[in-house]
Amino acid sequence: MDLSALQHLLGLVPGRRVACVGDLMVDRFVYGDVSRVSPEAPIPVLARTRELVMLGGAGNVARNVAALGGSVCLVGLVGGDADGHEASRLVGEEGHVEGYLVTDADRPTTLKTRFVSGGQQLLRVDLEASRAATGEVEQRLVRTLRDAAQGAGAILLSDYGKGVVTDAVIAAAREAAQAAGAKLVVDSKARSFARYGAVDLIKPNAAELAHATDLPTGTDAEIEVALARALELWEARAILVTRAAKGVSLAVRGEPVRHVPTAPREVFDVSGAGDTTLAALGLALAAGAPLNDAIAFAQLASGVAVGKVGTATVSPEELVEATISAHMAPAEAKIATPQRMADEVARWRAKGLRVGFTNGCFDILHKGHVAYLAQARAWCDRLIVGLNSDDSVRALKGEGRPVNDLESRALVLAGLGSVDLVVPFEDDTPLKLIEAARPDVLVKGADYAESEVVGADLVKAWGGEVRLAQIVDGYSTTAAIARMTQKAKA
């Protein structure tokens, strides 16, 4: 999807109503450091540092719809327990998410607790009851679905097999979709997809398709055979198979299978990527987008999501930035906004990487700058360079500076292998960037005393260090300008 098509679609989605029905979960992430093995058993000891709690399962689908600009009604089950109250609170805190939650006092709220260190999950502990909703609880789900689906452009069934998506709920969803003129899309972990009936689209991944058809799905040819079999077994009008790095494959009745590659991206965490795909797909369809455009939109959103930590949401701004970056040269892609810098730092830090920060005007890049940045990069795994804007340089250096404008300076810096990110800033000092990045090491030239380095006290306060890099004698921008002026006069 090119930038023009993306911006057009993003202009259509605000306020579009989507009903999300399915297994609501609470996702708890416990982060910490592992530095030793327990003396009691051969297991790592996690020193807990922080904890995140967010909506998972159907709740994560709803969060993603809302983050992309849609209005979503979330239908799900919670228990009459503390985790159920937590789920209700989390729903209430989500903008543009309207909770239609049914309480079943006889079951626990589904809770998934993940223990993470160095970007790797060490253990996941699940608390759940997978039995199907019955009796009055099932009838309340059906009534609630009918209310939530009014005015929706799409109904999304997120079936994790925890008991919400029963046959009665599926039938009610089909009836509600027909009444509202909405698209009905299913994402399921079920062994068989036949029970969903004549829905608009079913979205299994390759492993789920293989499991449901008892056929291999490794190659394009195998996928085509499995999809042909699936269309025989199921009444769905179309099937979209997600295949991770291989992209997606789409089968529509009466049409040849179409394989759509995906742009290569760094994958950090696949948790919730399927939820993001479902949310983006459903929202685009609710906005009236053709299926092909909805698929491209969903691929883009999923690609951004897998580069984030945990069950993350994706914003329209991130989609635009990802689209622009995909068409940039490698150097251009290193130039970032403060928000993107914060996101990159979160990914780096979750991988256990050491983050460094330095800053300057870097007006005329010379040998001294290159040596300085190489030394700074040697003290960290990733180096961020805060770059003064043109107005900021002028305020510091006087009229006539900078010699090179911001875009030129940023591109030259980004072209260096020692630099991982270039972040322009308007202020007189980079203090706000330092506070946002929270670097492990703050680097400045040895012509400064440590007490003169902006942000030094902050970095040391959170356990980082300040390093002073050696300056190469005989090289400076001021001297270079003076030499050029003399030659011009001669």
Protein backbone atom coordinates (compact mmCIF):
# COMPACT_ATOMS: atom_id res chain seq x y z
CA MET A 1 0.00 0.00 0.00
CA ASP A 2 1.49 3.34 -1.03
CA LEU A 3 1.28 6.50 1.07
CA SER A 4 -1.58 8.04 -0.92
CA ALA A 5 -3.77 4.95 -0.59
CA LEU A 6 -2.94 4.64 3.11
CA GLN A 7 -3.82 8.26 3.86
CA HIS A 8 -7.08 7.89 1.94
CA LEU A 9 -8.04 4.82 3.97
CA LEU A 10 -6.99 6.43 7.25
CA GLY A 11 -9.30 9.30 6.38
CA LEU A 12 -12.24 6.88 6.12
CA VAL A 13 -11.83 4.91 9.36
CA PRO A 14 -12.35 7.48 12.17
CA GLY A 15 -15.56 6.70 14.01
CA ARG A 16 -16.38 3.58 12.01
CA ARG A 17 -18.19 1.16 14.31
CA VAL A 18 -16.86 -2.36 14.78
CA ALA A 19 -18.28 -5.05 17.08
CA CYS A 20 -15.64 -7.35 18.54
CA VAL A 21 -16.98 -10.57 20.05
CA GLY A 22 -14.89 -13.25 21.68
CA ASP A 23 -12.62 -14.46 24.44
CA LEU A 24 -11.51 -11.52 26.55
CA MET A 25 -8.25 -11.96 28.47
CA VAL A 26 -6.01 -10.06 30.80
CA ASP A 27 -2.36 -10.10 29.72
CA ARG A 28 0.16 -9.55 32.49
CA PHE A 29 3.85 -9.08 31.62
CA VAL A 30 6.39 -9.38 34.43
CA TYR A 31 9.79 -8.04 33.36
CA GLY A 32 13.05 -8.54 35.16
CA ASP A 33 16.73 -9.42 35.00
CA VAL A 34 18.25 -12.90 35.22
CA SER A 35 21.79 -13.07 36.55
CA ARG A 36 21.87 -16.39 38.39
CA VAL A 37 20.42 -19.88 38.63
CA SER A 38 18.37 -20.92 41.65
CA PRO A 39 20.23 -23.10 44.19
CA GLU A 40 16.95 -24.96 44.74
CA ALA A 41 16.50 -26.18 41.15
CA PRO A 42 18.13 -25.67 37.73
CA ILE A 43 15.92 -22.68 36.89
CA PRO A 44 16.71 -18.98 36.37
CA VAL A 45 15.96 -16.49 39.13
CA LEU A 46 14.06 -13.46 37.79
CA ALA A 47 14.66 -10.21 39.67
CA ARG A 48 11.40 -8.38 38.96
CA THR A 49 11.82 -4.79 37.74
CA ARG A 50 8.40 -3.82 36.36
CA GLU A 51 4.99 -5.13 35.38
CA LEU A 52 2.52 -4.27 32.60
CA VAL A 53 -1.15 -5.26 32.49
CA MET A 54 -3.30 -4.92 29.38
CA LEU A 55 -6.27 -6.41 27.60
CA GLY A 56 -5.55 -9.53 25.57
CA GLY A 57 -7.43 -11.82 23.20
CA ALA A 58 -10.60 -10.14 21.95
CA GLY A 59 -9.66 -7.21 24.20
CA ASN A 60 -6.46 -6.71 22.24
CA VAL A 61 -8.41 -6.75 18.98
CA ALA A 62 -10.65 -4.01 20.40
CA ARG A 63 -7.65 -1.98 21.58
CA ASN A 64 -6.16 -2.11 18.10
CA VAL A 65 -9.40 -1.04 16.41
CA ALA A 66 -9.59 1.94 18.75
CA ALA A 67 -5.91 2.84 18.31
CA LEU A 68 -6.40 2.91 14.54
CA GLY A 69 -9.27 5.38 14.88
CA GLY A 70 -12.33 3.15 14.98
CA SER A 71 -15.16 2.95 17.50
CA VAL A 72 -15.48 -0.54 18.95
CA CYS A 73 -18.02 -2.44 21.04
CA LEU A 74 -16.38 -5.28 22.96
CA VAL A 75 -18.51 -8.31 23.87
CA GLY A 76 -16.94 -10.88 26.17
CA LEU A 77 -17.05 -12.87 29.40
CA VAL A 78 -15.38 -12.08 32.70
CA GLY A 79 -15.49 -13.88 36.02
CA GLY A 80 -16.73 -12.42 39.26
CA ASP A 81 -13.14 -12.16 40.50
CA ALA A 82 -10.40 -9.57 40.93
CA ASP A 83 -9.13 -10.19 37.40
CA GLY A 84 -12.66 -9.57 36.11
CA HIS A 85 -12.68 -6.19 37.86
CA GLU A 86 -9.24 -5.54 36.37
CA ALA A 87 -10.57 -6.34 32.89
CA SER A 88 -13.52 -3.98 33.38
CA ARG A 89 -11.19 -1.23 34.55
CA LEU A 90 -8.90 -1.72 31.55
CA VAL A 91 -11.84 -1.57 29.16
CA GLY A 92 -13.03 1.63 30.81
CA GLU A 93 -9.61 3.22 30.37
CA GLU A 94 -9.54 2.54 26.62
CA GLY A 95 -10.71 5.46 24.54
CA HIS A 96 -13.35 4.59 21.92
CA VAL A 97 -13.93 1.12 23.42
CA GLU A 98 -17.43 0.47 24.77
CA GLY A 99 -17.56 -2.56 27.05
CA TYR A 100 -20.44 -5.04 26.76
CA LEU A 101 -19.11 -7.48 29.33
CA VAL A 102 -21.11 -10.42 30.68
CA THR A 103 -20.18 -11.78 34.11
CA ASP A 104 -20.09 -15.51 34.79
CA ALA A 105 -19.49 -16.00 38.51
CA ASP A 106 -18.73 -19.70 37.96
CA ARG A 107 -15.60 -19.19 35.87
CA PRO A 108 -12.34 -17.30 36.35
CA THR A 109 -11.41 -14.41 34.10
CA THR A 110 -8.83 -15.66 31.62
CA LEU A 111 -5.40 -14.46 32.75
CA LYS A 112 -2.09 -14.99 30.97
CA THR A 113 1.04 -14.06 32.91
CA ARG A 114 4.31 -13.91 30.99
CA PHE A 115 7.73 -13.64 32.62
CA VAL A 116 10.23 -11.84 30.40
CA SER A 117 13.95 -11.13 30.58
CA GLY A 118 16.27 -9.78 27.90
CA GLY A 119 13.45 -9.76 25.38
CA GLN A 120 12.77 -13.48 25.85
CA GLN A 121 9.78 -15.12 27.51
CA LEU A 122 10.95 -17.45 30.26
CA LEU A 123 7.55 -18.80 31.26
CA ARG A 124 3.84 -18.26 30.68
CA VAL A 125 1.27 -19.15 33.33
CA ASP A 126 -2.40 -19.39 32.26
CA LEU A 127 -5.48 -19.20 34.49
CA GLU A 128 -8.59 -20.11 32.52
CA ALA A 129 -11.69 -22.26 32.11
CA SER A 130 -12.27 -23.39 28.53
CA ARG A 131 -15.79 -24.77 28.86
CA ALA A 132 -18.47 -23.32 26.59
CA ALA A 133 -20.91 -20.78 27.96
CA THR A 134 -24.34 -22.31 28.51
CA GLY A 135 -27.80 -21.47 29.81
CA GLU A 136 -28.49 -17.93 30.95
CA VAL A 137 -24.86 -16.83 30.45
CA GLU A 138 -24.99 -17.86 26.78
CA GLN A 139 -28.35 -16.13 26.32
CA ARG A 140 -26.97 -12.92 27.83
CA LEU A 141 -24.07 -13.09 25.38
CA VAL A 142 -26.51 -13.45 22.46
CA ARG A 143 -28.65 -10.51 23.62
CA THR A 144 -25.59 -8.40 24.28
CA LEU A 145 -24.15 -9.17 20.84
CA ARG A 146 -27.36 -8.05 19.15
CA ASP A 147 -27.27 -4.73 20.99
CA ALA A 148 -23.55 -4.15 20.35
CA ALA A 149 -23.77 -4.95 16.63
CA GLN A 150 -26.34 -2.29 15.79
CA GLY A 151 -24.78 0.17 13.35
CA ALA A 152 -21.55 -1.80 13.02
CA GLY A 153 -19.77 -2.00 9.69
CA ALA A 154 -17.96 -5.19 10.70
CA ILE A 155 -18.38 -7.92 13.32
CA LEU A 156 -15.19 -9.68 14.38
CA LEU A 157 -15.33 -13.11 16.05
CA SER A 158 -12.13 -13.66 18.04
CA ASP A 159 -12.42 -17.31 19.07
CA TYR A 160 -9.57 -18.51 21.29
CA GLY A 161 -11.59 -21.54 22.36
CA LYS A 162 -12.31 -20.29 25.88
CA GLY A 163 -16.07 -20.68 25.63
CA VAL A 164 -17.56 -17.40 24.42
CA VAL A 165 -18.05 -18.22 20.73
CA THR A 166 -20.71 -20.91 20.98
CA ASP A 167 -22.96 -22.10 18.16
CA ALA A 168 -25.73 -19.80 19.43
CA VAL A 169 -23.36 -16.83 19.49
CA ILE A 170 -22.15 -17.62 15.96
CA ALA A 171 -25.74 -17.79 14.70
CA ALA A 172 -26.54 -14.48 16.42
CA ALA A 173 -23.45 -12.91 14.83
CA ARG A 174 -24.51 -14.04 11.34
CA GLU A 175 -28.03 -12.66 11.90
CA ALA A 176 -26.69 -9.37 13.28
CA ALA A 177 -24.27 -8.98 10.37
CA GLN A 178 -27.07 -9.51 7.87
CA ALA A 179 -29.33 -7.05 9.68
CA ALA A 180 -26.62 -4.37 9.89
CA GLY A 181 -25.13 -4.99 6.44
CA ALA A 182 -21.83 -5.68 8.20
CA LYS A 183 -18.91 -7.87 7.20
CA LEU A 184 -18.46 -10.93 9.46
CA VAL A 185 -14.81 -11.96 9.93
CA VAL A 186 -13.62 -14.94 12.00
CA ASP A 187 -10.23 -15.52 13.63
CA SER A 188 -10.26 -18.87 15.38
CA LYS A 189 -8.08 -21.48 17.07
CA ALA A 190 -10.68 -24.18 16.40
CA ARG A 191 -9.91 -27.58 14.92
CA SER A 192 -12.77 -27.17 12.44
CA PHE A 193 -14.00 -23.95 10.87
CA ALA A 194 -17.14 -25.51 9.39
CA ARG A 195 -19.31 -24.47 12.34
CA TYR A 196 -18.99 -20.75 11.51
CA GLY A 197 -21.14 -21.18 8.40
CA ALA A 198 -21.43 -18.61 5.61
CA VAL A 199 -19.25 -15.84 7.07
CA ASP A 200 -17.52 -13.27 4.84
CA LEU A 201 -13.96 -14.18 5.76
CA ILE A 202 -12.07 -16.70 7.90
CA LYS A 203 -8.49 -15.84 8.90
CA PRO A 204 -6.42 -18.88 9.97
CA ASN A 205 -2.64 -18.96 10.01
CA ALA A 206 -0.75 -21.60 8.04
CA ALA A 207 -0.47 -23.99 11.00
CA GLU A 208 -4.21 -23.70 11.75
CA LEU A 209 -5.08 -24.32 8.12
CA ALA A 210 -2.86 -27.41 8.09
CA HIS A 211 -4.47 -28.65 11.30
CA ALA A 212 -7.99 -28.10 10.02
CA THR A 213 -7.46 -29.74 6.62
CA ASP A 214 -4.84 -32.38 7.53
CA LEU A 215 -2.74 -31.09 4.63
CA PRO A 216 0.76 -29.52 4.51
CA THR A 217 0.98 -25.73 4.09
CA GLY A 218 4.69 -25.03 3.70
CA THR A 219 4.81 -23.92 0.05
CA ASP A 220 2.56 -21.83 -2.20
CA ALA A 221 1.47 -24.98 -4.02
CA GLU A 222 0.61 -26.77 -0.76
CA ILE A 223 -1.29 -23.70 0.48
CA GLU A 224 -3.38 -23.71 -2.72
CA VAL A 225 -4.31 -27.37 -2.31
CA ALA A 226 -5.19 -26.84 1.38
CA LEU A 227 -7.30 -23.78 0.55
CA ALA A 228 -9.19 -25.68 -2.15
CA ARG A 229 -9.96 -28.36 0.41
CA ALA A 230 -10.99 -25.76 2.99
CA LEU A 231 -13.45 -24.18 0.57
CA GLU A 232 -15.01 -27.62 0.14
CA LEU A 233 -15.29 -28.11 3.91
CA TRP A 234 -16.38 -24.61 4.92
CA GLU A 235 -19.12 -22.24 3.76
CA ALA A 236 -17.00 -19.09 4.15
CA ARG A 237 -17.00 -16.75 1.15
CA ALA A 238 -13.24 -16.17 1.44
CA ILE A 239 -10.25 -17.48 3.41
CA LEU A 240 -7.15 -15.45 4.23
CA VAL A 241 -4.13 -17.43 5.44
CA THR A 242 -1.42 -15.52 7.29
CA ARG A 243 2.03 -17.02 6.71
CA ALA A 244 4.40 -14.90 8.82
CA ALA A 245 7.41 -13.79 6.72
CA LYS A 246 5.91 -15.42 3.60
CA GLY A 247 3.01 -12.95 3.58
CA VAL A 248 -0.61 -13.99 3.12
CA SER A 249 -2.61 -16.11 0.70
CA LEU A 250 -6.21 -15.31 -0.23
CA ALA A 251 -8.82 -17.72 -1.58
CA VAL A 252 -12.12 -16.28 -2.80
CA ARG A 253 -14.78 -18.63 -4.17
CA GLY A 254 -14.62 -18.80 -7.94
CA GLU A 255 -11.22 -17.05 -8.13
CA PRO A 256 -7.63 -18.30 -8.25
CA VAL A 257 -5.61 -18.17 -5.01
CA ARG A 258 -3.60 -14.99 -4.68
CA HIS A 259 -0.30 -14.86 -2.77
CA VAL A 260 0.65 -11.47 -1.32
CA PRO A 261 4.22 -11.08 0.00
CA THR A 262 4.96 -8.95 3.01
CA ALA A 263 7.72 -6.38 3.39
CA PRO A 264 10.61 -7.73 5.50
CA ARG A 265 10.69 -6.23 9.01
CA GLU A 266 12.63 -6.85 12.18
CA VAL A 267 10.47 -9.15 14.33
CA PHE A 268 10.76 -8.59 18.05
CA ASP A 269 7.57 -10.02 19.55
CA VAL A 270 4.74 -11.80 17.73
CA SER A 271 2.40 -11.66 20.76
CA GLY A 272 -0.93 -10.33 19.56
CA ALA A 273 0.12 -9.85 15.92
CA GLY A 274 -2.91 -11.86 14.78
CA ASP A 275 -5.16 -9.60 16.84
CA THR A 276 -3.69 -6.54 15.12
CA THR A 277 -4.25 -8.14 11.71
CA LEU A 278 -7.89 -8.92 12.54
CA ALA A 279 -8.51 -5.41 13.90
CA ALA A 280 -7.03 -3.62 10.89
CA LEU A 281 -8.77 -5.95 8.45
CA GLY A 282 -12.15 -5.50 10.11
CA LEU A 283 -11.84 -1.73 10.46
CA ALA A 284 -10.85 -1.30 6.81
CA LEU A 285 -13.80 -3.44 5.70
CA ALA A 286 -16.11 -1.45 7.99
CA ALA A 287 -14.87 1.70 6.24
CA GLY A 288 -15.90 0.24 2.88
CA ALA A 289 -12.41 -0.59 1.62
CA PRO A 290 -12.07 -3.32 -1.04
CA LEU A 291 -10.78 -6.61 0.34
CA ASN A 292 -7.38 -6.20 -1.35
CA ASP A 293 -6.86 -2.79 0.28
CA ALA A 294 -8.04 -4.12 3.63
CA ILE A 295 -5.47 -6.93 3.41
CA ALA A 296 -2.66 -4.50 2.56
CA PHE A 297 -3.71 -2.30 5.49
CA ALA A 298 -3.72 -5.33 7.82
CA GLN A 299 -0.28 -6.46 6.63
CA LEU A 300 1.17 -3.02 7.28
CA ALA A 301 -0.36 -2.85 10.77
CA SER A 302 0.84 -6.34 11.68
CA GLY A 303 4.35 -5.52 10.44
CA VAL A 304 4.51 -2.57 12.81
CA ALA A 305 3.05 -4.58 15.71
CA VAL A 306 5.66 -7.36 15.59
CA GLY A 307 8.40 -4.78 16.09
CA LYS A 308 6.93 -3.81 19.47
CA VAL A 309 7.04 -5.28 22.95
CA GLY A 310 4.12 -7.43 24.11
CA THR A 311 0.53 -7.19 22.89
CA ALA A 312 0.98 -3.71 21.48
CA THR A 313 -1.37 -1.43 19.54
CA VAL A 314 -0.53 0.45 16.35
CA SER A 315 -1.37 4.09 15.61
CA PRO A 316 -2.14 5.76 12.24
CA GLU A 317 1.00 7.87 12.66
CA GLU A 318 3.12 4.72 12.97
CA LEU A 319 1.58 3.30 9.80
CA VAL A 320 2.39 6.48 7.90
CA GLU A 321 5.95 6.50 9.24
CA ALA A 322 6.43 2.82 8.36
CA THR A 323 5.19 3.46 4.82
CA ILE A 324 7.52 6.41 4.37
CA SER A 325 10.47 4.46 5.82
CA ALA A 326 9.83 1.55 3.47
CA HIS A 327 10.47 3.86 0.51
CA MET A 328 13.52 5.53 2.04
CA ALA A 329 17.20 4.86 1.53
CA PRO A 330 18.82 3.15 4.56
CA ALA A 331 20.32 6.45 5.77
CA GLU A 332 16.98 8.27 5.57
CA ALA A 333 15.34 5.53 7.64
CA LYS A 334 17.69 6.34 10.55
CA ILE A 335 16.27 9.86 10.91
CA ALA A 336 13.57 9.71 13.58
CA THR A 337 11.09 11.72 15.58
CA PRO A 338 11.34 11.74 19.40
CA GLN A 339 8.38 9.34 19.59
CA ARG A 340 9.98 6.87 17.22
CA MET A 341 13.21 7.19 19.18
CA ALA A 342 11.37 6.22 22.36
CA ASP A 343 9.84 3.19 20.60
CA GLU A 344 13.23 2.10 19.23
CA VAL A 345 14.86 2.48 22.64
CA ALA A 346 12.15 0.31 24.20
CA ARG A 347 12.88 -2.43 21.65
CA TRP A 348 16.65 -2.14 22.11
CA ARG A 349 16.43 -2.18 25.88
CA ALA A 350 14.08 -5.17 25.89
CA LYS A 351 16.78 -7.02 23.94
CA GLY A 352 19.31 -6.16 26.63
CA LEU A 353 21.19 -3.69 24.42
CA ARG A 354 23.18 -0.80 25.87
CA VAL A 355 21.93 2.58 24.58
CA GLY A 356 24.22 5.57 24.10
CA PHE A 357 23.39 9.22 23.41
CA THR A 358 25.37 12.19 22.20
CA ASN A 359 24.46 15.44 20.52
CA GLY A 360 25.82 18.33 18.52
CA CYS A 361 25.45 20.61 15.50
CA PHE A 362 27.68 18.54 13.16
CA ASP A 363 27.58 21.35 10.63
CA ILE A 364 30.51 20.35 8.41
CA LEU A 365 31.29 16.71 9.14
CA HIS A 366 35.05 16.14 9.36
CA LYS A 367 37.58 13.56 10.53
CA GLY A 368 37.29 14.67 14.14
CA HIS A 369 33.52 14.07 14.12
CA VAL A 370 33.90 10.62 12.58
CA ALA A 371 36.50 9.58 15.18
CA TYR A 372 34.38 11.02 18.00
CA LEU A 373 31.23 9.12 16.92
CA ALA A 374 33.17 5.90 16.43
CA GLN A 375 34.51 6.18 19.98
CA ALA A 376 31.02 6.89 21.33
CA ARG A 377 29.60 3.86 19.50
CA ALA A 378 32.32 1.65 21.02
CA TRP A 379 30.86 2.37 24.47
CA CYS A 380 27.34 1.14 23.60
CA ASP A 381 25.36 -1.22 21.39
CA ARG A 382 23.18 1.48 19.81
CA LEU A 383 24.06 5.17 19.45
CA ILE A 384 21.52 7.99 19.21
CA VAL A 385 22.70 11.39 17.96
CA GLY A 386 20.62 14.40 18.95
CA LEU A 387 21.00 16.98 16.16
CA ASN A 388 20.41 20.71 16.65
CA SER A 389 17.84 22.24 14.29
CA ASP A 390 18.88 25.11 12.02
CA ASP A 391 17.37 27.70 14.40
CA SER A 392 19.07 26.05 17.35
CA VAL A 393 22.46 26.12 15.57
CA ARG A 394 21.95 29.77 14.66
CA ALA A 395 21.16 30.64 18.27
CA LEU A 396 24.35 28.86 19.43
CA LYS A 397 26.78 29.79 16.65
CA GLY A 398 25.44 33.08 15.29
CA GLU A 399 24.35 34.33 11.87
CA GLY A 400 25.72 32.47 8.89
CA ARG A 401 25.38 29.13 10.60
CA PRO A 402 24.65 26.41 9.90
CA VAL A 403 26.52 26.12 6.64
CA ASN A 404 24.52 22.95 5.83
CA ASP A 405 20.80 22.74 6.51
CA LEU A 406 19.22 20.22 8.90
CA GLU A 407 18.25 17.68 6.23
CA SER A 408 21.77 17.61 4.79
CA ARG A 409 23.42 17.31 8.21
CA ALA A 410 21.02 14.56 9.29
CA LEU A 411 21.54 12.50 6.12
CA VAL A 412 25.34 12.69 6.34
CA LEU A 413 25.29 11.63 10.00
CA ALA A 414 22.80 8.81 9.29
CA GLY A 415 25.13 7.51 6.61
CA LEU A 416 27.78 6.65 9.20
CA GLY A 417 27.90 3.05 10.39
CA SER A 418 28.58 4.22 13.95
CA VAL A 419 25.23 6.06 14.14
CA ASP A 420 22.01 4.11 14.70
CA LEU A 421 19.50 6.96 15.00
CA VAL A 422 19.52 10.71 14.31
CA VAL A 423 16.91 12.76 16.17
CA PRO A 424 16.61 16.50 15.39
CA PHE A 425 15.59 18.83 18.22
CA GLU A 426 14.54 22.49 18.39
CA ASP A 427 15.48 23.40 21.96
CA ASP A 428 18.75 24.98 23.02
CA THR A 429 19.71 21.74 24.77
CA PRO A 430 18.86 18.05 24.19
CA LEU A 431 17.56 17.60 27.74
CA LYS A 432 14.06 16.49 26.68
CA LEU A 433 15.53 13.89 24.32
CA ILE A 434 17.82 12.60 27.06
CA GLU A 435 14.88 12.29 29.45
CA ALA A 436 12.89 10.39 26.79
CA ALA A 437 15.75 8.07 25.76
CA ARG A 438 17.12 7.41 29.27
CA PRO A 439 20.48 6.33 27.82
CA ASP A 440 22.83 3.97 29.62
CA VAL A 441 25.78 6.11 28.56
CA LEU A 442 25.85 9.84 27.78
CA VAL A 443 28.80 10.90 25.60
CA LYS A 444 30.30 14.36 25.14
CA GLY A 445 33.68 15.64 24.00
CA ALA A 446 36.66 15.85 26.36
CA ASP A 447 36.66 19.63 25.89
CA TYR A 448 33.77 19.58 28.39
CA ALA A 449 33.98 18.91 32.11
CA GLU A 450 31.49 16.31 33.31
CA SER A 451 29.71 18.96 35.37
CA GLU A 452 29.10 20.92 32.15
CA VAL A 453 27.43 18.07 30.26
CA VAL A 454 23.68 18.64 29.89
CA GLY A 455 21.75 15.74 31.42
CA ALA A 456 24.76 14.23 33.21
CA ASP A 457 23.08 14.37 36.61
CA LEU A 458 19.93 12.66 35.27
CA VAL A 459 21.80 9.85 33.56
CA LYS A 460 23.87 9.13 36.65
CA ALA A 461 20.74 9.24 38.82
CA TRP A 462 19.13 6.34 36.92
CA GLY A 463 22.33 4.30 36.98
CA GLY A 464 23.91 5.35 33.68
CA GLU A 465 27.36 6.78 33.12
CA VAL A 466 28.88 9.84 31.47
CA ARG A 467 31.86 9.34 29.14
CA LEU A 468 34.08 12.04 27.62
CA ALA A 469 35.43 11.18 24.17
CA GLN A 470 38.86 12.31 23.03
CA ILE A 471 38.98 15.16 20.52
CA VAL A 472 41.16 14.86 17.41
CA ASP A 473 43.42 17.93 17.37
CA GLY A 474 43.40 20.19 14.35
CA TYR A 475 39.84 19.53 13.21
CA SER A 476 36.83 21.74 13.84
CA THR A 477 33.93 23.23 11.88
CA THR A 478 34.99 26.75 12.84
CA ALA A 479 38.50 26.15 11.50
CA ALA A 480 37.11 24.64 8.30
CA ILE A 481 34.90 27.70 7.72
CA ALA A 482 37.87 30.00 8.36
CA ARG A 483 39.97 28.15 5.77
CA MET A 484 37.16 28.34 3.21
CA THR A 485 36.78 32.06 3.87
CA GLN A 486 40.51 32.67 3.39
CA LYS A 487 40.54 30.73 0.12
CA ALA A 488 37.53 32.68 -1.12
CA LYS A 489 39.26 35.99 -0.38
CA ALA A 490 42.49 34.82 -2.09
